[in-house]
Each structure stands twice: as C-alpha cells, then as structure tokens.
C-alpha cells in the first residue's frame, strides 16, 4: 500500500512529532535537524537530487541496488559534493536487472548493505529539499527499506519533477485538447529533458540520473516557475 495516503499535511509538525517519538537514534538525529522552512523561496532552498536504481519495479519483491545524490540550487549543481553508492541487496539480482542498470554481481558482492551506509545517506539529505523524478520509486522503496531495517517509518517531503512537468503540460493544453482528453506528452526523464534542449545522458545510473533531475528542475524553474514561490507550493 502506498505511503502517499498517509503523508502529513504539515511537515514541520510531523518532524517535531517524530523527533520525540522515534526509537532509532539515527532517525532521531535526522528529524532533530528539522525540515526546511515551508515558506522558503525555491531560489533560496538548498536542494539535493536523489535517484535510486532497483533490482526491479515491483515494490514487494525488489530492492535498492544503488543511490545517487547531488546537491544543487537553482543556479549551480555541486558535482564535487555528489555521492554514489552501490548497495548489496539481500536477494540475488536477475539477469534482466543487470542488463537494465549495468550493475554486476561482482559489484554488489563487494558493496555494503544499505544498513551500513544509511547514516551517510541521511546526513546528505537532512535539512535539504529532496528532489526526485517520479516520487513513487524513491519514497516507497526508501520507506520500505528503512521499515525493514529499523522497524519505523522515515518520511520527508519530496519535490517531484515528473509531477511538475505533468502540471506544466496540463496548463499548456487548450480548451479542445482538455475537452477531448488528449493524452499528455511523455513525462519520463529523457523526454522531459528533450523539451528543454538539455543534453542526452545514458539512463539507469543513479548518479547520472540525479544530475539529470537537478538540471531538469533548473530548466523548469527558468522557463515556467516563479523562483520566489515557497517550497511548500511544490513539495508533497
């Protein structure tokens, strides 16, 4: 069952409640740092793009196999501060999975399990606005993984460039297009980047896709969004 239906209406209040009720010291430290002020203009927000590669798309029987993070703001991407981890899943990867993301059996065998690097991941995103493309993957897979490791939830607001693009495309539709329920143009990451004449990157590498997501948001803001809008207008 998706966590979307359980998201808090007030992220500030949620962080305060969790910081007093969580059991794990790691989770306590994360929530104690607090969430970015919801009224912060997007142009002033410290952001970090996040991307996961997984062993499959089914939440029930797939796991995170790599994580890419890159900090940025609306003007710059701080590639020198980016982070990338290959993560050892509990189950063996399928050949289809290896073909999809290119991470081999030998790489995952030499990689740490998520529980070893989880504190580093949380350190890298705490206090920042986390930006993803298609929030189901990052939110649901991360929530599932943390629940299995720590036996308590770990949720935080996400800004979803896929949803932003869908909203932009809906706003550009004319009356008859809406009346006839014309399908929107594709909103996968590569298609979105093409509309802004952003360069082509090979997909399915967590760090590359995180950079691609950061660049896409910068383009969306430059062309369609008010940089003075508060972050609460975009996150979910």
C-alpha atoms as a PDB file:
ATOM      1  CA  UNK A   1       0.000   0.000   0.000  1.00  0.00           C
ATOM      2  CA  UNK A   2       1.405   3.388  -0.992  1.00  0.00           C
ATOM      3  CA  UNK A   3       2.539   5.774   1.725  1.00  0.00           C
ATOM      4  CA  UNK A   4       1.101   8.744  -0.210  1.00  0.00           C
ATOM      5  CA  UNK A   5      -2.256   8.446   1.560  1.00  0.00           C
ATOM      6  CA  UNK A   6      -0.511   8.769   4.930  1.00  0.00           C
ATOM      7  CA  UNK A   7       1.593  11.840   4.197  1.00  0.00           C
ATOM      8  CA  UNK A   8       1.236  14.610   6.775  1.00  0.00           C
ATOM      9  CA  UNK A   9      -0.488  17.868   5.974  1.00  0.00           C
ATOM     10  CA  UNK A  10       2.136  19.768   7.951  1.00  0.00           C
ATOM     11  CA  UNK A  11       5.722  18.590   7.507  1.00  0.00           C
ATOM     12  CA  UNK A  12       7.033  20.888  10.252  1.00  0.00           C
ATOM     13  CA  UNK A  13       4.651  19.372  12.783  1.00  0.00           C
ATOM     14  CA  UNK A  14       5.446  15.880  11.534  1.00  0.00           C
ATOM     15  CA  UNK A  15       9.181  16.382  12.079  1.00  0.00           C
ATOM     16  CA  UNK A  16       8.546  17.691  15.586  1.00  0.00           C
ATOM     17  CA  UNK A  17       6.372  14.714  16.459  1.00  0.00           C
ATOM     18  CA  UNK A  18       8.797  12.184  15.025  1.00  0.00           C
ATOM     19  CA  UNK A  19      11.758  13.733  16.839  1.00  0.00           C
ATOM     20  CA  UNK A  20      10.034  12.981  20.134  1.00  0.00           C
ATOM     21  CA  UNK A  21       8.662   9.536  19.310  1.00  0.00           C
ATOM     22  CA  UNK A  22      11.202   7.715  17.136  1.00  0.00           C
ATOM     23  CA  UNK A  23      13.138   4.802  18.584  1.00  0.00           C
ATOM     24  CA  UNK A  24      16.225   4.758  16.394  1.00  0.00           C
ATOM     25  CA  UNK A  25      18.998   7.206  17.241  1.00  0.00           C
ATOM     26  CA  UNK A  26      19.733   7.544  13.545  1.00  0.00           C
ATOM     27  CA  UNK A  27      16.144   8.547  12.777  1.00  0.00           C
ATOM     28  CA  UNK A  28      16.076  10.837  15.822  1.00  0.00           C
ATOM     29  CA  UNK A  29      19.156  12.686  14.588  1.00  0.00           C
ATOM     30  CA  UNK A  30      17.541  13.112  11.159  1.00  0.00           C
ATOM     31  CA  UNK A  31      14.284  14.576  12.453  1.00  0.00           C
ATOM     32  CA  UNK A  32      16.009  16.679  15.090  1.00  0.00           C
ATOM     33  CA  UNK A  33      17.638  18.705  12.291  1.00  0.00           C
ATOM     34  CA  UNK A  34      14.179  19.833  11.227  1.00  0.00           C
ATOM     35  CA  UNK A  35      12.629  20.327   7.821  1.00  0.00           C
ATOM     36  CA  UNK A  36      13.367  23.311   5.597  1.00  0.00           C
ATOM     37  CA  UNK A  37      11.006  26.230   6.316  1.00  0.00           C
ATOM     38  CA  UNK A  38       7.950  25.740   4.072  1.00  0.00           C
ATOM     39  CA  UNK A  39       7.920  29.468   3.246  1.00  0.00           C
ATOM     40  CA  UNK A  40      11.488  29.435   1.881  1.00  0.00           C
ATOM     41  CA  UNK A  41      11.537  30.718  -1.713  1.00  0.00           C
ATOM     42  CA  UNK A  42      12.661  27.997  -4.099  1.00  0.00           C
ATOM     43  CA  UNK A  43      15.552  30.235  -5.211  1.00  0.00           C
ATOM     44  CA  UNK A  44      16.951  30.132  -1.670  1.00  0.00           C
ATOM     45  CA  UNK A  45      16.355  26.460  -0.994  1.00  0.00           C
ATOM     46  CA  UNK A  46      19.287  24.091  -0.551  1.00  0.00           C
ATOM     47  CA  UNK A  47      18.319  21.061  -2.602  1.00  0.00           C
ATOM     48  CA  UNK A  48      19.617  17.584  -3.255  1.00  0.00           C
ATOM     49  CA  UNK A  49      18.579  15.445  -6.212  1.00  0.00           C
ATOM     50  CA  UNK A  50      18.120  11.781  -5.352  1.00  0.00           C
ATOM     51  CA  UNK A  51      17.863   8.758  -7.598  1.00  0.00           C
ATOM     52  CA  UNK A  52      17.699   5.023  -6.917  1.00  0.00           C
ATOM     53  CA  UNK A  53      18.361   2.062  -9.129  1.00  0.00           C
ATOM     54  CA  UNK A  54      16.461  -1.008  -8.010  1.00  0.00           C
ATOM     55  CA  UNK A  55      16.501  -4.712  -8.773  1.00  0.00           C
ATOM     56  CA  UNK A  56      13.029  -4.350 -10.300  1.00  0.00           C
ATOM     57  CA  UNK A  57       9.929  -2.159 -10.311  1.00  0.00           C
ATOM     58  CA  UNK A  58       7.775  -4.284  -8.025  1.00  0.00           C
ATOM     59  CA  UNK A  59       7.888  -2.863  -4.516  1.00  0.00           C
ATOM     60  CA  UNK A  60       7.021  -6.223  -2.980  1.00  0.00           C
ATOM     61  CA  UNK A  61       9.990  -8.185  -4.314  1.00  0.00           C
ATOM     62  CA  UNK A  62      12.570  -5.579  -5.442  1.00  0.00           C
ATOM     63  CA  UNK A  63      15.308  -3.742  -3.557  1.00  0.00           C
ATOM     64  CA  UNK A  64      17.530  -0.684  -3.843  1.00  0.00           C
ATOM     65  CA  UNK A  65      20.801  -1.519  -5.578  1.00  0.00           C
ATOM     66  CA  UNK A  66      22.356   1.953  -5.972  1.00  0.00           C
ATOM     67  CA  UNK A  67      21.809   5.501  -4.692  1.00  0.00           C
ATOM     68  CA  UNK A  68      22.890   8.761  -6.291  1.00  0.00           C
ATOM     69  CA  UNK A  69      22.764  12.159  -4.567  1.00  0.00           C
ATOM     70  CA  UNK A  70      23.851  15.549  -5.882  1.00  0.00           C
ATOM     71  CA  UNK A  71      23.363  18.869  -4.036  1.00  0.00           C
ATOM     72  CA  UNK A  72      22.287  21.897  -6.062  1.00  0.00           C
ATOM     73  CA  UNK A  73      20.356  25.152  -6.118  1.00  0.00           C
ATOM     74  CA  UNK A  74      18.548  26.895  -8.967  1.00  0.00           C
ATOM     75  CA  UNK A  75      21.838  28.203 -10.408  1.00  0.00           C
ATOM     76  CA  UNK A  76      24.504  25.620  -9.678  1.00  0.00           C
ATOM     77  CA  UNK A  77      24.978  21.880  -9.385  1.00  0.00           C
ATOM     78  CA  UNK A  78      27.694  20.904  -6.919  1.00  0.00           C
ATOM     79  CA  UNK A  79      29.023  17.778  -8.609  1.00  0.00           C
ATOM     80  CA  UNK A  80      32.112  17.792  -6.402  1.00  0.00           C
ATOM     81  CA  UNK A  81      29.864  17.130  -3.401  1.00  0.00           C
ATOM     82  CA  UNK A  82      27.863  14.357  -5.074  1.00  0.00           C
ATOM     83  CA  UNK A  83      27.669  10.873  -3.603  1.00  0.00           C
ATOM     84  CA  UNK A  84      27.070   7.472  -5.149  1.00  0.00           C
ATOM     85  CA  UNK A  85      26.751   4.088  -3.501  1.00  0.00           C
ATOM     86  CA  UNK A  86      26.262   0.612  -4.881  1.00  0.00           C
ATOM     87  CA  UNK A  87      24.198  -1.302  -2.319  1.00  0.00           C
ATOM     88  CA  UNK A  88      24.174  -5.041  -1.766  1.00  0.00           C
ATOM     89  CA  UNK A  89      20.581  -6.349  -1.879  1.00  0.00           C
ATOM     90  CA  UNK A  90      19.509  -9.305   0.207  1.00  0.00           C
ATOM     91  CA  UNK A  91      18.262 -11.236  -2.822  1.00  0.00           C
ATOM     92  CA  UNK A  92      20.244 -12.191  -5.907  1.00  0.00           C
ATOM     93  CA  UNK A  93      19.818  -9.929  -8.902  1.00  0.00           C
ATOM     94  CA  UNK A  94      18.227 -11.227 -12.071  1.00  0.00           C
ATOM     95  CA  UNK A  95      19.933 -11.042 -15.448  1.00  0.00           C
ATOM     96  CA  UNK A  96      17.210  -8.635 -16.588  1.00  0.00           C
ATOM     97  CA  UNK A  97      18.090  -6.321 -13.717  1.00  0.00           C
ATOM     98  CA  UNK A  98      21.783  -6.377 -14.600  1.00  0.00           C
ATOM     99  CA  UNK A  99      21.045  -5.535 -18.234  1.00  0.00           C
ATOM    100  CA  UNK A 100      18.784  -2.678 -17.120  1.00  0.00           C
ATOM    101  CA  UNK A 101      21.147  -0.781 -14.806  1.00  0.00           C
ATOM    102  CA  UNK A 102      24.524  -2.333 -15.640  1.00  0.00           C
ATOM    103  CA  UNK A 103      25.478  -3.158 -12.044  1.00  0.00           C
ATOM    104  CA  UNK A 104      27.089  -6.588 -11.993  1.00  0.00           C
ATOM    105  CA  UNK A 105      27.053  -9.446  -9.494  1.00  0.00           C
ATOM    106  CA  UNK A 106      30.680  -8.765  -8.571  1.00  0.00           C
ATOM    107  CA  UNK A 107      29.941  -5.107  -7.848  1.00  0.00           C
ATOM    108  CA  UNK A 108      27.077  -5.868  -5.474  1.00  0.00           C
ATOM    109  CA  UNK A 109      29.038  -8.643  -3.787  1.00  0.00           C
ATOM    110  CA  UNK A 110      31.737  -6.093  -2.928  1.00  0.00           C
ATOM    111  CA  UNK A 111      29.196  -3.428  -1.894  1.00  0.00           C
ATOM    112  CA  UNK A 112      27.918  -2.719   1.627  1.00  0.00           C
ATOM    113  CA  UNK A 113      24.302  -3.436   2.577  1.00  0.00           C
ATOM    114  CA  UNK A 114      22.046  -0.417   2.986  1.00  0.00           C
ATOM    115  CA  UNK A 115      22.228  -0.544   6.781  1.00  0.00           C
ATOM    116  CA  UNK A 116      25.976   0.258   6.633  1.00  0.00           C
ATOM    117  CA  UNK A 117      25.601   3.457   4.572  1.00  0.00           C
ATOM    118  CA  UNK A 118      22.131   4.591   5.675  1.00  0.00           C
ATOM    119  CA  UNK A 119      23.528   7.134   8.147  1.00  0.00           C
ATOM    120  CA  UNK A 120      25.613   8.688   5.332  1.00  0.00           C
ATOM    121  CA  UNK A 121      22.534   8.953   3.124  1.00  0.00           C
ATOM    122  CA  UNK A 122      20.545  10.657   5.869  1.00  0.00           C
ATOM    123  CA  UNK A 123      23.412  13.054   6.616  1.00  0.00           C
ATOM    124  CA  UNK A 124      23.498  14.059   2.948  1.00  0.00           C
ATOM    125  CA  UNK A 125      19.780  14.882   2.709  1.00  0.00           C
ATOM    126  CA  UNK A 126      18.941  16.284   6.138  1.00  0.00           C
ATOM    127  CA  UNK A 127      17.921  19.943   6.098  1.00  0.00           C
ATOM    128  CA  UNK A 128      17.629  19.956   2.310  1.00  0.00           C
ATOM    129  CA  UNK A 129      14.734  19.792  -0.119  1.00  0.00           C
ATOM    130  CA  UNK A 130      14.946  16.371  -1.760  1.00  0.00           C
ATOM    131  CA  UNK A 131      14.172  16.402  -5.498  1.00  0.00           C
ATOM    132  CA  UNK A 132      13.297  13.271  -7.485  1.00  0.00           C
ATOM    133  CA  UNK A 133      11.779  12.306 -10.824  1.00  0.00           C
ATOM    134  CA  UNK A 134       8.774  10.076 -10.109  1.00  0.00           C
ATOM    135  CA  UNK A 135       8.484  10.044  -6.355  1.00  0.00           C
ATOM    136  CA  UNK A 136       6.972   6.550  -6.126  1.00  0.00           C
ATOM    137  CA  UNK A 137      10.384   4.926  -6.578  1.00  0.00           C
ATOM    138  CA  UNK A 138      12.354   6.970  -4.060  1.00  0.00           C
ATOM    139  CA  UNK A 139       9.599   7.384  -1.474  1.00  0.00           C
ATOM    140  CA  UNK A 140       8.189   3.887  -1.476  1.00  0.00           C
ATOM    141  CA  UNK A 141      11.442   1.946  -1.838  1.00  0.00           C
ATOM    142  CA  UNK A 142      13.211   4.042   0.809  1.00  0.00           C
ATOM    143  CA  UNK A 143      10.298   3.773   3.208  1.00  0.00           C
ATOM    144  CA  UNK A 144      10.142   0.006   2.744  1.00  0.00           C
ATOM    145  CA  UNK A 145      13.908  -0.390   3.224  1.00  0.00           C
ATOM    146  CA  UNK A 146      14.006   1.699   6.413  1.00  0.00           C
ATOM    147  CA  UNK A 147      10.978  -0.092   7.854  1.00  0.00           C
ATOM    148  CA  UNK A 148      12.690  -3.439   7.308  1.00  0.00           C
ATOM    149  CA  UNK A 149      15.952  -2.218   8.872  1.00  0.00           C
ATOM    150  CA  UNK A 150      14.779  -0.009  11.723  1.00  0.00           C
ATOM    151  CA  UNK A 151      11.119  -1.009  12.130  1.00  0.00           C
ATOM    152  CA  UNK A 152       9.844   2.550  11.998  1.00  0.00           C
ATOM    153  CA  UNK A 153       8.870   4.955   9.211  1.00  0.00           C
ATOM    154  CA  UNK A 154      11.121   7.609   7.772  1.00  0.00           C
ATOM    155  CA  UNK A 155       9.279  10.087   5.556  1.00  0.00           C
ATOM    156  CA  UNK A 156      10.247  13.522   4.314  1.00  0.00           C
ATOM    157  CA  UNK A 157       8.873  15.970   1.722  1.00  0.00           C
ATOM    158  CA  UNK A 158       9.796  15.393  -1.899  1.00  0.00           C
ATOM    159  CA  UNK A 159       9.696  17.655  -4.914  1.00  0.00           C
ATOM    160  CA  UNK A 160       8.816  15.587  -7.988  1.00  0.00           C
ATOM    161  CA  UNK A 161       9.978  16.933 -11.364  1.00  0.00           C
ATOM    162  CA  UNK A 162       7.733  14.424 -13.163  1.00  0.00           C
ATOM    163  CA  UNK A 163       4.661  15.839 -11.433  1.00  0.00           C
ATOM    164  CA  UNK A 164       5.832  19.389 -12.092  1.00  0.00           C
ATOM    165  CA  UNK A 165       6.210  18.598 -15.795  1.00  0.00           C
ATOM    166  CA  UNK A 166       2.779  16.969 -15.933  1.00  0.00           C
ATOM    167  CA  UNK A 167       1.265  20.089 -14.345  1.00  0.00           C
ATOM    168  CA  UNK A 168       3.081  22.319 -16.847  1.00  0.00           C
ATOM    169  CA  UNK A 169       1.813  20.263 -19.786  1.00  0.00           C
ATOM    170  CA  UNK A 170      -1.741  20.293 -18.435  1.00  0.00           C
ATOM    171  CA  UNK A 171      -1.550  24.074 -18.130  1.00  0.00           C
ATOM    172  CA  UNK A 172      -0.460  24.367 -21.756  1.00  0.00           C
ATOM    173  CA  UNK A 173      -3.387  22.361 -23.106  1.00  0.00           C
ATOM    174  CA  UNK A 174      -6.056  24.319 -24.934  1.00  0.00           C
ATOM    175  CA  UNK A 175      -9.799  24.093 -24.339  1.00  0.00           C
ATOM    176  CA  UNK A 176     -10.479  21.487 -27.018  1.00  0.00           C
ATOM    177  CA  UNK A 177      -7.478  19.390 -26.004  1.00  0.00           C
ATOM    178  CA  UNK A 178      -8.853  19.250 -22.484  1.00  0.00           C
ATOM    179  CA  UNK A 179     -12.393  18.630 -23.764  1.00  0.00           C
ATOM    180  CA  UNK A 180     -11.201  15.717 -25.893  1.00  0.00           C
ATOM    181  CA  UNK A 181      -8.971  14.492 -23.075  1.00  0.00           C
ATOM    182  CA  UNK A 182      -5.921  14.460 -25.293  1.00  0.00           C
ATOM    183  CA  UNK A 183      -3.090  12.492 -23.622  1.00  0.00           C
ATOM    184  CA  UNK A 184      -0.174  14.493 -22.281  1.00  0.00           C
ATOM    185  CA  UNK A 185       3.249  14.235 -23.889  1.00  0.00           C
ATOM    186  CA  UNK A 186       5.539  11.673 -22.199  1.00  0.00           C
ATOM    187  CA  UNK A 187       6.951  12.746 -18.833  1.00  0.00           C
ATOM    188  CA  UNK A 188       9.777  10.255 -18.424  1.00  0.00           C
ATOM    189  CA  UNK A 189      13.051  11.936 -17.548  1.00  0.00           C
ATOM    190  CA  UNK A 190      14.624  11.733 -21.013  1.00  0.00           C
ATOM    191  CA  UNK A 191      11.530  13.105 -22.765  1.00  0.00           C
ATOM    192  CA  UNK A 192      11.250  15.968 -20.280  1.00  0.00           C
ATOM    193  CA  UNK A 193      14.894  16.937 -20.773  1.00  0.00           C
ATOM    194  CA  UNK A 194      14.462  16.909 -24.544  1.00  0.00           C
ATOM    195  CA  UNK A 195      11.742  19.565 -24.317  1.00  0.00           C
ATOM    196  CA  UNK A 196      14.253  21.920 -22.683  1.00  0.00           C
ATOM    197  CA  UNK A 197      17.082  21.027 -25.096  1.00  0.00           C
ATOM    198  CA  UNK A 198      19.099  19.524 -22.259  1.00  0.00           C
ATOM    199  CA  UNK A 199      21.864  17.096 -23.278  1.00  0.00           C
ATOM    200  CA  UNK A 200      21.256  13.378 -23.561  1.00  0.00           C
ATOM    201  CA  UNK A 201      22.663  11.220 -20.777  1.00  0.00           C
ATOM    202  CA  UNK A 202      22.652   7.446 -20.655  1.00  0.00           C
ATOM    203  CA  UNK A 203      19.873   6.464 -18.270  1.00  0.00           C
ATOM    204  CA  UNK A 204      19.778   4.000 -15.363  1.00  0.00           C
ATOM    205  CA  UNK A 205      22.834   5.193 -13.487  1.00  0.00           C
ATOM    206  CA  UNK A 206      21.722   6.620 -10.142  1.00  0.00           C
ATOM    207  CA  UNK A 207      24.247   9.461 -10.035  1.00  0.00           C
ATOM    208  CA  UNK A 208      23.779  10.442 -13.686  1.00  0.00           C
ATOM    209  CA  UNK A 209      20.016  10.424 -13.264  1.00  0.00           C
ATOM    210  CA  UNK A 210      20.303  12.555 -10.119  1.00  0.00           C
ATOM    211  CA  UNK A 211      22.314  15.157 -12.069  1.00  0.00           C
ATOM    212  CA  UNK A 212      19.767  14.944 -14.897  1.00  0.00           C
ATOM    213  CA  UNK A 213      16.928  15.539 -12.434  1.00  0.00           C
ATOM    214  CA  UNK A 214      18.679  18.578 -10.915  1.00  0.00           C
ATOM    215  CA  UNK A 215      19.225  20.075 -14.374  1.00  0.00           C
ATOM    216  CA  UNK A 216      15.604  19.438 -15.296  1.00  0.00           C
ATOM    217  CA  UNK A 217      14.300  21.301 -12.250  1.00  0.00           C
ATOM    218  CA  UNK A 218      16.599  24.230 -13.008  1.00  0.00           C
ATOM    219  CA  UNK A 219      15.154  24.351 -16.535  1.00  0.00           C
ATOM    220  CA  UNK A 220      11.558  24.063 -15.299  1.00  0.00           C
ATOM    221  CA  UNK A 221      12.104  26.970 -12.919  1.00  0.00           C
ATOM    222  CA  UNK A 222      13.830  29.082 -15.574  1.00  0.00           C
ATOM    223  CA  UNK A 223      11.042  28.567 -18.125  1.00  0.00           C
ATOM    224  CA  UNK A 224       7.816  28.076 -16.178  1.00  0.00           C
ATOM    225  CA  UNK A 225       8.013  28.615 -12.431  1.00  0.00           C
ATOM    226  CA  UNK A 226       8.362  31.652 -10.190  1.00  0.00           C
ATOM    227  CA  UNK A 227      11.653  31.288  -8.273  1.00  0.00           C
ATOM    228  CA  UNK A 228      10.077  33.233  -5.415  1.00  0.00           C
ATOM    229  CA  UNK A 229       7.336  30.682  -4.849  1.00  0.00           C
ATOM    230  CA  UNK A 230       7.601  28.934  -1.468  1.00  0.00           C
ATOM    231  CA  UNK A 231       8.847  25.352  -1.419  1.00  0.00           C
ATOM    232  CA  UNK A 232       5.543  24.241   0.141  1.00  0.00           C
ATOM    233  CA  UNK A 233       3.847  25.013  -3.202  1.00  0.00           C
ATOM    234  CA  UNK A 234       5.917  22.300  -4.876  1.00  0.00           C
ATOM    235  CA  UNK A 235       6.617  19.569  -2.352  1.00  0.00           C
ATOM    236  CA  UNK A 236       4.443  16.661  -1.345  1.00  0.00           C
END
